[in-house]
Amino acid sequence: IARALATDPEVLLCDEGTSALDPKTTRAILALLKRINRELG
């Protein structure tokens, strides 16, 4: 995710970005994505 943000994108395309993760980790990654959407627009 940090690498994808390095070029200051306006859009983040996530192709099954949580499918390889356990439920607890998935929730943490989704919370991070929500924060990125909210704080970085």
PDB file of all heavy atoms in Angstrom:
ATOM      1  N   ILE A   1       0.843  -1.200   0.000  1.00  0.00           N
ATOM      2  CA  ILE A   1       0.000   0.000   0.000  1.00  0.00           C
ATOM      3  C   ILE A   1       0.878   1.250   0.000  1.00  0.00           C
ATOM      4  O   ILE A   1       0.636   2.195  -0.765  1.00  0.00           O
ATOM      5  CB  ILE A   1      -0.947  -0.019   1.213  1.00  0.00           C
ATOM      6  CG1 ILE A   1      -2.003  -1.116   1.042  1.00  0.00           C
ATOM      7  CG2 ILE A   1      -1.619   1.351   1.391  1.00  0.00           C
ATOM      8  CD1 ILE A   1      -2.832  -1.377   2.291  1.00  0.00           C
ATOM      9  N   ALA A   2       1.906   1.273   0.844  1.00  0.00           N
ATOM     10  CA  ALA A   2       2.809   2.422   0.882  1.00  0.00           C
ATOM     11  C   ALA A   2       3.487   2.629  -0.467  1.00  0.00           C
ATOM     12  O   ALA A   2       3.621   3.771  -0.934  1.00  0.00           O
ATOM     13  CB  ALA A   2       3.848   2.228   1.991  1.00  0.00           C
ATOM     14  N   ARG A   3       3.918   1.544  -1.096  1.00  0.00           N
ATOM     15  CA  ARG A   3       4.554   1.653  -2.417  1.00  0.00           C
ATOM     16  C   ARG A   3       3.578   2.240  -3.438  1.00  0.00           C
ATOM     17  O   ARG A   3       3.942   3.079  -4.269  1.00  0.00           O
ATOM     18  CB  ARG A   3       5.041   0.280  -2.886  1.00  0.00           C
ATOM     19  CG  ARG A   3       5.744   0.287  -4.240  1.00  0.00           C
ATOM     20  CD  ARG A   3       6.100  -1.111  -4.679  1.00  0.00           C
ATOM     21  NE  ARG A   3       4.907  -1.953  -4.767  1.00  0.00           N
ATOM     22  CZ  ARG A   3       4.935  -3.271  -4.950  1.00  0.00           C
ATOM     23  NH1 ARG A   3       6.113  -3.893  -5.041  1.00  0.00           N
ATOM     24  NH2 ARG A   3       3.824  -3.959  -5.021  1.00  0.00           N
ATOM     25  N   ALA A   4       2.315   1.787  -3.391  1.00  0.00           N
ATOM     26  CA  ALA A   4       1.306   2.297  -4.317  1.00  0.00           C
ATOM     27  C   ALA A   4       1.038   3.782  -4.103  1.00  0.00           C
ATOM     28  O   ALA A   4       0.641   4.491  -5.033  1.00  0.00           O
ATOM     29  CB  ALA A   4       0.016   1.497  -4.170  1.00  0.00           C
ATOM     30  N   LEU A   5       1.238   4.262  -2.870  1.00  0.00           N
ATOM     31  CA  LEU A   5       0.992   5.668  -2.549  1.00  0.00           C
ATOM     32  C   LEU A   5       2.196   6.562  -2.850  1.00  0.00           C
ATOM     33  O   LEU A   5       2.080   7.789  -2.781  1.00  0.00           O
ATOM     34  CB  LEU A   5       0.626   5.804  -1.073  1.00  0.00           C
ATOM     35  CG  LEU A   5      -0.687   5.156  -0.619  1.00  0.00           C
ATOM     36  CD1 LEU A   5      -0.829   5.274   0.895  1.00  0.00           C
ATOM     37  CD2 LEU A   5      -1.881   5.784  -1.320  1.00  0.00           C
ATOM     38  N   ALA A   6       3.325   5.962  -3.189  1.00  0.00           N
ATOM     39  CA  ALA A   6       4.570   6.728  -3.322  1.00  0.00           C
ATOM     40  C   ALA A   6       4.485   7.798  -4.407  1.00  0.00           C
ATOM     41  O   ALA A   6       5.105   8.859  -4.289  1.00  0.00           O
ATOM     42  CB  ALA A   6       5.745   5.788  -3.592  1.00  0.00           C
ATOM     43  N   THR A   7       3.737   7.540  -5.457  1.00  0.00           N
ATOM     44  CA  THR A   7       3.653   8.492  -6.567  1.00  0.00           C
ATOM     45  C   THR A   7       2.481   9.468  -6.419  1.00  0.00           C
ATOM     46  O   THR A   7       2.081  10.129  -7.381  1.00  0.00           O
ATOM     47  CB  THR A   7       3.531   7.750  -7.907  1.00  0.00           C
ATOM     48  OG1 THR A   7       2.390   6.879  -7.863  1.00  0.00           O
ATOM     49  CG2 THR A   7       4.779   6.924  -8.189  1.00  0.00           C
ATOM     50  N   ASP A   8       1.912   9.542  -5.217  1.00  0.00           N
ATOM     51  CA  ASP A   8       0.781  10.438  -4.928  1.00  0.00           C
ATOM     52  C   ASP A   8      -0.398  10.195  -5.868  1.00  0.00           C
ATOM     53  O   ASP A   8      -0.871  11.115  -6.558  1.00  0.00           O
ATOM     54  CB  ASP A   8       1.216  11.908  -5.002  1.00  0.00           C
ATOM     55  CG  ASP A   8       2.236  12.266  -3.935  1.00  0.00           C
ATOM     56  OD1 ASP A   8       2.060  11.823  -2.784  1.00  0.00           O
ATOM     57  OD2 ASP A   8       3.204  12.969  -4.255  1.00  0.00           O
ATOM     58  N   PRO A   9      -0.914   8.963  -5.904  1.00  0.00           N
ATOM     59  CA  PRO A   9      -2.027   8.667  -6.811  1.00  0.00           C
ATOM     60  C   PRO A   9      -3.317   9.341  -6.353  1.00  0.00           C
ATOM     61  O   PRO A   9      -3.481   9.700  -5.181  1.00  0.00           O
ATOM     62  CB  PRO A   9      -2.149   7.147  -6.725  1.00  0.00           C
ATOM     63  CG  PRO A   9      -1.691   6.828  -5.331  1.00  0.00           C
ATOM     64  CD  PRO A   9      -0.566   7.798  -5.075  1.00  0.00           C
ATOM     65  N   GLU A  10      -4.234   9.494  -7.291  1.00  0.00           N
ATOM     66  CA  GLU A  10      -5.574   9.992  -6.983  1.00  0.00           C
ATOM     67  C   GLU A  10      -6.552   8.841  -6.792  1.00  0.00           C
ATOM     68  O   GLU A  10      -7.624   9.016  -6.222  1.00  0.00           O
ATOM     69  CB  GLU A  10      -6.056  10.909  -8.102  1.00  0.00           C
ATOM     70  CG  GLU A  10      -5.191  12.147  -8.270  1.00  0.00           C
ATOM     71  CD  GLU A  10      -5.544  12.950  -9.502  1.00  0.00           C
ATOM     72  OE1 GLU A  10      -6.051  12.380 -10.481  1.00  0.00           O
ATOM     73  OE2 GLU A  10      -5.303  14.171  -9.483  1.00  0.00           O
ATOM     74  N   VAL A  11      -6.161   7.662  -7.303  1.00  0.00           N
ATOM     75  CA  VAL A  11      -6.994   6.457  -7.233  1.00  0.00           C
ATOM     76  C   VAL A  11      -6.122   5.297  -6.771  1.00  0.00           C
ATOM     77  O   VAL A  11      -4.962   5.180  -7.188  1.00  0.00           O
ATOM     78  CB  VAL A  11      -7.617   6.118  -8.605  1.00  0.00           C
ATOM     79  CG1 VAL A  11      -8.437   4.828  -8.529  1.00  0.00           C
ATOM     80  CG2 VAL A  11      -8.475   7.264  -9.108  1.00  0.00           C
ATOM     81  N   LEU A  12      -6.675   4.448  -5.922  1.00  0.00           N
ATOM     82  CA  LEU A  12      -5.997   3.224  -5.503  1.00  0.00           C
ATOM     83  C   LEU A  12      -6.853   2.041  -5.930  1.00  0.00           C
ATOM     84  O   LEU A  12      -8.000   1.899  -5.500  1.00  0.00           O
ATOM     85  CB  LEU A  12      -5.799   3.230  -3.987  1.00  0.00           C
ATOM     86  CG  LEU A  12      -4.899   2.146  -3.381  1.00  0.00           C
ATOM     87  CD1 LEU A  12      -3.497   2.218  -3.969  1.00  0.00           C
ATOM     88  CD2 LEU A  12      -4.850   2.278  -1.866  1.00  0.00           C
ATOM     89  N   LEU A  13      -6.316   1.204  -6.819  1.00  0.00           N
ATOM     90  CA  LEU A  13      -7.006   0.013  -7.304  1.00  0.00           C
ATOM     91  C   LEU A  13      -6.524  -1.180  -6.493  1.00  0.00           C
ATOM     92  O   LEU A  13      -5.330  -1.488  -6.489  1.00  0.00           O
ATOM     93  CB  LEU A  13      -6.707  -0.205  -8.799  1.00  0.00           C
ATOM     94  CG  LEU A  13      -7.005   0.972  -9.730  1.00  0.00           C
ATOM     95  CD1 LEU A  13      -6.555   0.647 -11.157  1.00  0.00           C
ATOM     96  CD2 LEU A  13      -8.481   1.341  -9.704  1.00  0.00           C
ATOM     97  N   CYS A  14      -7.441  -1.852  -5.806  1.00  0.00           N
ATOM     98  CA  CYS A  14      -7.088  -2.956  -4.919  1.00  0.00           C
ATOM     99  C   CYS A  14      -7.693  -4.245  -5.455  1.00  0.00           C
ATOM    100  O   CYS A  14      -8.915  -4.453  -5.353  1.00  0.00           O
ATOM    101  CB  CYS A  14      -7.611  -2.700  -3.504  1.00  0.00           C
ATOM    102  SG  CYS A  14      -7.138  -1.109  -2.812  1.00  0.00           S
ATOM    103  N   ASP A  15      -6.859  -5.095  -6.015  1.00  0.00           N
ATOM    104  CA  ASP A  15      -7.334  -6.342  -6.615  1.00  0.00           C
ATOM    105  C   ASP A  15      -7.197  -7.478  -5.603  1.00  0.00           C
ATOM    106  O   ASP A  15      -6.121  -8.028  -5.422  1.00  0.00           O
ATOM    107  CB  ASP A  15      -6.544  -6.643  -7.890  1.00  0.00           C
ATOM    108  CG  ASP A  15      -7.150  -7.781  -8.701  1.00  0.00           C
ATOM    109  OD1 ASP A  15      -8.206  -8.320  -8.279  1.00  0.00           O
ATOM    110  OD2 ASP A  15      -6.593  -8.139  -9.745  1.00  0.00           O
ATOM    111  N   GLU A  16      -8.292  -7.806  -4.918  1.00  0.00           N
ATOM    112  CA  GLU A  16      -8.307  -8.859  -3.896  1.00  0.00           C
ATOM    113  C   GLU A  16      -7.224  -8.616  -2.848  1.00  0.00           C
ATOM    114  O   GLU A  16      -6.517  -9.534  -2.423  1.00  0.00           O
ATOM    115  CB  GLU A  16      -8.138 -10.241  -4.540  1.00  0.00           C
ATOM    116  CG  GLU A  16      -9.269 -10.646  -5.484  1.00  0.00           C
ATOM    117  CD  GLU A  16     -10.496 -11.175  -4.752  1.00  0.00           C
ATOM    118  OE1 GLU A  16     -10.538 -11.080  -3.514  1.00  0.00           O
ATOM    119  OE2 GLU A  16     -11.403 -11.679  -5.431  1.00  0.00           O
ATOM    120  N   GLY A  17      -7.117  -7.359  -2.413  1.00  0.00           N
ATOM    121  CA  GLY A  17      -6.025  -6.968  -1.531  1.00  0.00           C
ATOM    122  C   GLY A  17      -6.051  -7.584  -0.144  1.00  0.00           C
ATOM    123  O   GLY A  17      -5.054  -7.510   0.573  1.00  0.00           O
ATOM    124  N   THR A  18      -7.184  -8.185   0.263  1.00  0.00           N
ATOM    125  CA  THR A  18      -7.250  -8.800   1.596  1.00  0.00           C
ATOM    126  C   THR A  18      -7.483 -10.304   1.542  1.00  0.00           C
ATOM    127  O   THR A  18      -7.591 -10.945   2.592  1.00  0.00           O
ATOM    128  CB  THR A  18      -8.382  -8.156   2.430  1.00  0.00           C
ATOM    129  OG1 THR A  18      -9.632  -8.344   1.769  1.00  0.00           O
ATOM    130  CG2 THR A  18      -8.133  -6.666   2.626  1.00  0.00           C
ATOM    131  N   SER A  19      -7.556 -10.869   0.351  1.00  0.00           N
ATOM    132  CA  SER A  19      -7.943 -12.281   0.231  1.00  0.00           C
ATOM    133  C   SER A  19      -6.931 -13.251   0.836  1.00  0.00           C
ATOM    134  O   SER A  19      -7.295 -14.354   1.238  1.00  0.00           O
ATOM    135  CB  SER A  19      -8.170 -12.641  -1.244  1.00  0.00           C
ATOM    136  OG  SER A  19      -9.275 -11.929  -1.749  1.00  0.00           O
ATOM    137  N   ALA A  20      -5.667 -12.836   0.903  1.00  0.00           N
ATOM    138  CA  ALA A  20      -4.637 -13.720   1.443  1.00  0.00           C
ATOM    139  C   ALA A  20      -4.429 -13.529   2.943  1.00  0.00           C
ATOM    140  O   ALA A  20      -3.508 -14.112   3.517  1.00  0.00           O
ATOM    141  CB  ALA A  20      -3.317 -13.482   0.697  1.00  0.00           C
ATOM    142  N   LEU A  21      -5.286 -12.738   3.584  1.00  0.00           N
ATOM    143  CA  LEU A  21      -5.079 -12.366   4.976  1.00  0.00           C
ATOM    144  C   LEU A  21      -6.127 -12.992   5.881  1.00  0.00           C
ATOM    145  O   LEU A  21      -7.249 -13.271   5.469  1.00  0.00           O
ATOM    146  CB  LEU A  21      -5.141 -10.838   5.112  1.00  0.00           C
ATOM    147  CG  LEU A  21      -4.211 -10.037   4.185  1.00  0.00           C
ATOM    148  CD1 LEU A  21      -4.445  -8.547   4.379  1.00  0.00           C
ATOM    149  CD2 LEU A  21      -2.743 -10.394   4.429  1.00  0.00           C
ATOM    150  N   ASP A  22      -5.762 -13.187   7.153  1.00  0.00           N
ATOM    151  CA  ASP A  22      -6.718 -13.704   8.132  1.00  0.00           C
ATOM    152  C   ASP A  22      -7.700 -12.595   8.512  1.00  0.00           C
ATOM    153  O   ASP A  22      -7.456 -11.411   8.231  1.00  0.00           O
ATOM    154  CB  ASP A  22      -5.984 -14.229   9.369  1.00  0.00           C
ATOM    155  CG  ASP A  22      -5.209 -13.133  10.089  1.00  0.00           C
ATOM    156  OD1 ASP A  22      -5.844 -12.292  10.761  1.00  0.00           O
ATOM    157  OD2 ASP A  22      -3.970 -13.098   9.970  1.00  0.00           O
ATOM    158  N   PRO A  23      -8.840 -12.945   9.142  1.00  0.00           N
ATOM    159  CA  PRO A  23      -9.875 -11.941   9.427  1.00  0.00           C
ATOM    160  C   PRO A  23      -9.398 -10.740  10.236  1.00  0.00           C
ATOM    161  O   PRO A  23      -9.774  -9.601   9.942  1.00  0.00           O
ATOM    162  CB  PRO A  23     -10.934 -12.751  10.182  1.00  0.00           C
ATOM    163  CG  PRO A  23     -10.780 -14.145   9.658  1.00  0.00           C
ATOM    164  CD  PRO A  23      -9.306 -14.317   9.450  1.00  0.00           C
ATOM    165  N   LYS A  24      -8.587 -10.968  11.271  1.00  0.00           N
ATOM    166  CA  LYS A  24      -8.118  -9.856  12.095  1.00  0.00           C
ATOM    167  C   LYS A  24      -7.237  -8.908  11.289  1.00  0.00           C
ATOM    168  O   LYS A  24      -7.380  -7.674  11.368  1.00  0.00           O
ATOM    169  CB  LYS A  24      -7.341 -10.393  13.307  1.00  0.00           C
ATOM    170  CG  LYS A  24      -6.847  -9.296  14.240  1.00  0.00           C
ATOM    171  CD  LYS A  24      -6.111  -9.887  15.443  1.00  0.00           C
ATOM    172  CE  LYS A  24      -5.595  -8.783  16.368  1.00  0.00           C
ATOM    173  NZ  LYS A  24      -4.871  -9.344  17.534  1.00  0.00           N
ATOM    174  N   THR A  25      -6.339  -9.479  10.493  1.00  0.00           N
ATOM    175  CA  THR A  25      -5.458  -8.654   9.668  1.00  0.00           C
ATOM    176  C   THR A  25      -6.250  -7.933   8.583  1.00  0.00           C
ATOM    177  O   THR A  25      -5.970  -6.775   8.262  1.00  0.00           O
ATOM    178  CB  THR A  25      -4.360  -9.526   9.032  1.00  0.00           C
ATOM    179  OG1 THR A  25      -3.677 -10.238  10.063  1.00  0.00           O
ATOM    180  CG2 THR A  25      -3.364  -8.685   8.267  1.00  0.00           C
ATOM    181  N   THR A  26      -7.258  -8.607   8.029  1.00  0.00           N
ATOM    182  CA  THR A  26      -8.126  -7.974   7.040  1.00  0.00           C
ATOM    183  C   THR A  26      -8.782  -6.730   7.615  1.00  0.00           C
ATOM    184  O   THR A  26      -8.820  -5.670   6.975  1.00  0.00           O
ATOM    185  CB  THR A  26      -9.211  -8.966   6.561  1.00  0.00           C
ATOM    186  OG1 THR A  26      -8.586 -10.001   5.795  1.00  0.00           O
ATOM    187  CG2 THR A  26     -10.254  -8.266   5.697  1.00  0.00           C
ATOM    188  N   ARG A  27      -9.298  -6.822   8.836  1.00  0.00           N
ATOM    189  CA  ARG A  27      -9.939  -5.661   9.462  1.00  0.00           C
ATOM    190  C   ARG A  27      -8.954  -4.504   9.618  1.00  0.00           C
ATOM    191  O   ARG A  27      -9.308  -3.333   9.419  1.00  0.00           O
ATOM    192  CB  ARG A  27     -10.533  -6.054  10.822  1.00  0.00           C
ATOM    193  CG  ARG A  27     -11.771  -6.945  10.710  1.00  0.00           C
ATOM    194  CD  ARG A  27     -12.489  -7.064  12.046  1.00  0.00           C
ATOM    195  NE  ARG A  27     -11.690  -7.763  13.052  1.00  0.00           N
ATOM    196  CZ  ARG A  27     -11.697  -9.072  13.224  1.00  0.00           C
ATOM    197  NH1 ARG A  27     -12.446  -9.852  12.449  1.00  0.00           N
ATOM    198  NH2 ARG A  27     -10.960  -9.631  14.174  1.00  0.00           N
ATOM    199  N   ALA A  28      -7.718  -4.820   9.968  1.00  0.00           N
ATOM    200  CA  ALA A  28      -6.704  -3.777  10.145  1.00  0.00           C
ATOM    201  C   ALA A  28      -6.364  -3.106   8.812  1.00  0.00           C
ATOM    202  O   ALA A  28      -6.214  -1.881   8.741  1.00  0.00           O
ATOM    203  CB  ALA A  28      -5.447  -4.370  10.782  1.00  0.00           C
ATOM    204  N   ILE A  29      -6.251  -3.905   7.749  1.00  0.00           N
ATOM    205  CA  ILE A  29      -5.945  -3.347   6.433  1.00  0.00           C
ATOM    206  C   ILE A  29      -7.108  -2.494   5.930  1.00  0.00           C
ATOM    207  O   ILE A  29      -6.914  -1.411   5.357  1.00  0.00           O
ATOM    208  CB  ILE A  29      -5.605  -4.467   5.428  1.00  0.00           C
ATOM    209  CG1 ILE A  29      -4.283  -5.141   5.810  1.00  0.00           C
ATOM    210  CG2 ILE A  29      -5.539  -3.918   3.997  1.00  0.00           C
ATOM    211  CD1 ILE A  29      -3.063  -4.237   5.771  1.00  0.00           C
ATOM    212  N   LEU A  30      -8.335  -2.946   6.155  1.00  0.00           N
ATOM    213  CA  LEU A  30      -9.502  -2.165   5.742  1.00  0.00           C
ATOM    214  C   LEU A  30      -9.572  -0.845   6.501  1.00  0.00           C
ATOM    215  O   LEU A  30      -9.918   0.199   5.928  1.00  0.00           O
ATOM    216  CB  LEU A  30     -10.783  -2.969   5.941  1.00  0.00           C
ATOM    217  CG  LEU A  30     -10.942  -4.212   5.050  1.00  0.00           C
ATOM    218  CD1 LEU A  30     -12.244  -4.935   5.380  1.00  0.00           C
ATOM    219  CD2 LEU A  30     -10.892  -3.846   3.575  1.00  0.00           C
ATOM    220  N   ALA A  31      -9.231  -0.873   7.784  1.00  0.00           N
ATOM    221  CA  ALA A  31      -9.200   0.366   8.566  1.00  0.00           C
ATOM    222  C   ALA A  31      -8.161   1.333   8.004  1.00  0.00           C
ATOM    223  O   ALA A  31      -8.386   2.551   7.946  1.00  0.00           O
ATOM    224  CB  ALA A  31      -8.910   0.049  10.029  1.00  0.00           C
ATOM    225  N   LEU A  32      -7.018   0.792   7.573  1.00  0.00           N
ATOM    226  CA  LEU A  32      -5.979   1.628   6.973  1.00  0.00           C
ATOM    227  C   LEU A  32      -6.476   2.241   5.661  1.00  0.00           C
ATOM    228  O   LEU A  32      -6.267   3.440   5.405  1.00  0.00           O
ATOM    229  CB  LEU A  32      -4.717   0.796   6.725  1.00  0.00           C
ATOM    230  CG  LEU A  32      -3.579   1.488   5.953  1.00  0.00           C
ATOM    231  CD1 LEU A  32      -3.099   2.726   6.691  1.00  0.00           C
ATOM    232  CD2 LEU A  32      -2.428   0.514   5.724  1.00  0.00           C
ATOM    233  N   LEU A  33      -7.147   1.449   4.841  1.00  0.00           N
ATOM    234  CA  LEU A  33      -7.666   1.969   3.571  1.00  0.00           C
ATOM    235  C   LEU A  33      -8.713   3.054   3.806  1.00  0.00           C
ATOM    236  O   LEU A  33      -8.749   4.069   3.089  1.00  0.00           O
ATOM    237  CB  LEU A  33      -8.245   0.830   2.730  1.00  0.00           C
ATOM    238  CG  LEU A  33      -7.227  -0.175   2.182  1.00  0.00           C
ATOM    239  CD1 LEU A  33      -7.943  -1.339   1.494  1.00  0.00           C
ATOM    240  CD2 LEU A  33      -6.255   0.497   1.212  1.00  0.00           C
ATOM    241  N   LYS A  34      -9.570   2.859   4.796  1.00  0.00           N
ATOM    242  CA  LYS A  34     -10.560   3.886   5.122  1.00  0.00           C
ATOM    243  C   LYS A  34      -9.875   5.183   5.568  1.00  0.00           C
ATOM    244  O   LYS A  34     -10.315   6.285   5.208  1.00  0.00           O
ATOM    245  CB  LYS A  34     -11.503   3.382   6.220  1.00  0.00           C
ATOM    246  CG  LYS A  34     -12.472   2.322   5.759  1.00  0.00           C
ATOM    247  CD  LYS A  34     -13.343   1.804   6.897  1.00  0.00           C
ATOM    248  CE  LYS A  34     -14.415   2.794   7.276  1.00  0.00           C
ATOM    249  NZ  LYS A  34     -15.389   2.202   8.241  1.00  0.00           N
ATOM    250  N   ARG A  35      -8.811   5.040   6.328  1.00  0.00           N
ATOM    251  CA  ARG A  35      -8.064   6.215   6.768  1.00  0.00           C
ATOM    252  C   ARG A  35      -7.428   6.936   5.588  1.00  0.00           C
ATOM    253  O   ARG A  35      -7.456   8.174   5.506  1.00  0.00           O
ATOM    254  CB  ARG A  35      -7.002   5.785   7.777  1.00  0.00           C
ATOM    255  CG  ARG A  35      -6.156   6.924   8.319  1.00  0.00           C
ATOM    256  CD  ARG A  35      -5.071   6.406   9.245  1.00  0.00           C
ATOM    257  NE  ARG A  35      -4.103   7.439   9.554  1.00  0.00           N
ATOM    258  CZ  ARG A  35      -2.876   7.200   9.988  1.00  0.00           C
ATOM    259  NH1 ARG A  35      -2.473   5.963  10.189  1.00  0.00           N
ATOM    260  NH2 ARG A  35      -2.049   8.207  10.239  1.00  0.00           N
ATOM    261  N   ILE A  36      -6.869   6.175   4.661  1.00  0.00           N
ATOM    262  CA  ILE A  36      -6.253   6.763   3.458  1.00  0.00           C
ATOM    263  C   ILE A  36      -7.305   7.511   2.647  1.00  0.00           C
ATOM    264  O   ILE A  36      -7.067   8.631   2.166  1.00  0.00           O
ATOM    265  CB  ILE A  36      -5.588   5.656   2.624  1.00  0.00           C
ATOM    266  CG1 ILE A  36      -4.315   5.168   3.325  1.00  0.00           C
ATOM    267  CG2 ILE A  36      -5.268   6.141   1.205  1.00  0.00           C
ATOM    268  CD1 ILE A  36      -3.751   3.885   2.761  1.00  0.00           C
ATOM    269  N   ASN A  37      -8.475   6.913   2.491  1.00  0.00           N
ATOM    270  CA  ASN A  37      -9.568   7.562   1.771  1.00  0.00           C
ATOM    271  C   ASN A  37      -9.990   8.858   2.476  1.00  0.00           C
ATOM    272  O   ASN A  37     -10.178   9.898   1.834  1.00  0.00           O
ATOM    273  CB  ASN A  37     -10.742   6.599   1.663  1.00  0.00           C
ATOM    274  CG  ASN A  37     -12.004   7.238   1.126  1.00  0.00           C
ATOM    275  OD1 ASN A  37     -12.915   7.542   1.890  1.00  0.00           O
ATOM    276  ND2 ASN A  37     -12.075   7.451  -0.179  1.00  0.00           N
ATOM    277  N   ARG A  38     -10.115   8.797   3.777  1.00  0.00           N
ATOM    278  CA  ARG A  38     -10.609   9.941   4.544  1.00  0.00           C
ATOM    279  C   ARG A  38      -9.568  11.059   4.636  1.00  0.00           C
ATOM    280  O   ARG A  38      -9.881  12.236   4.404  1.00  0.00           O
ATOM    281  CB  ARG A  38     -10.986   9.469   5.949  1.00  0.00           C
ATOM    282  CG  ARG A  38     -11.550  10.561   6.840  1.00  0.00           C
ATOM    283  CD  ARG A  38     -11.946  10.016   8.204  1.00  0.00           C
ATOM    284  NE  ARG A  38     -10.800   9.534   8.973  1.00  0.00           N
ATOM    285  CZ  ARG A  38     -10.536   8.246   9.211  1.00  0.00           C
ATOM    286  NH1 ARG A  38     -11.330   7.297   8.736  1.00  0.00           N
ATOM    287  NH2 ARG A  38      -9.473   7.889   9.909  1.00  0.00           N
ATOM    288  N   GLU A  39      -8.311  10.713   4.949  1.00  0.00           N
ATOM    289  CA  GLU A  39      -7.304  11.735   5.219  1.00  0.00           C
ATOM    290  C   GLU A  39      -6.608  12.235   3.959  1.00  0.00           C
ATOM    291  O   GLU A  39      -6.228  13.412   3.892  1.00  0.00           O
ATOM    292  CB  GLU A  39      -6.264  11.183   6.199  1.00  0.00           C
ATOM    293  CG  GLU A  39      -6.837  10.873   7.578  1.00  0.00           C
ATOM    294  CD  GLU A  39      -5.780  10.390   8.559  1.00  0.00           C
ATOM    295  OE1 GLU A  39      -4.580  10.379   8.200  1.00  0.00           O
ATOM    296  OE2 GLU A  39      -6.148  10.028   9.693  1.00  0.00           O
ATOM    297  N   LEU A  40      -6.441  11.367   2.972  1.00  0.00           N
ATOM    298  CA  LEU A  40      -5.737  11.766   1.749  1.00  0.00           C
ATOM    299  C   LEU A  40      -6.685  12.050   0.592  1.00  0.00           C
ATOM    300  O   LEU A  40      -6.262  12.544  -0.451  1.00  0.00           O
ATOM    301  CB  LEU A  40      -4.728  10.679   1.340  1.00  0.00           C
ATOM    302  CG  LEU A  40      -3.679  10.285   2.389  1.00  0.00           C
ATOM    303  CD1 LEU A  40      -2.716   9.257   1.810  1.00  0.00           C
ATOM    304  CD2 LEU A  40      -2.922  11.515   2.882  1.00  0.00           C
ATOM    305  N   GLY A  41      -7.968  11.721   0.761  1.00  0.00           N
ATOM    306  CA  GLY A  41      -8.948  11.977  -0.291  1.00  0.00           C
ATOM    307  C   GLY A  41      -8.776  11.105  -1.521  1.00  0.00           C
ATOM    308  O   GLY A  41      -9.214  11.476  -2.615  1.00  0.00           O
TER     309      GLY A  41
END
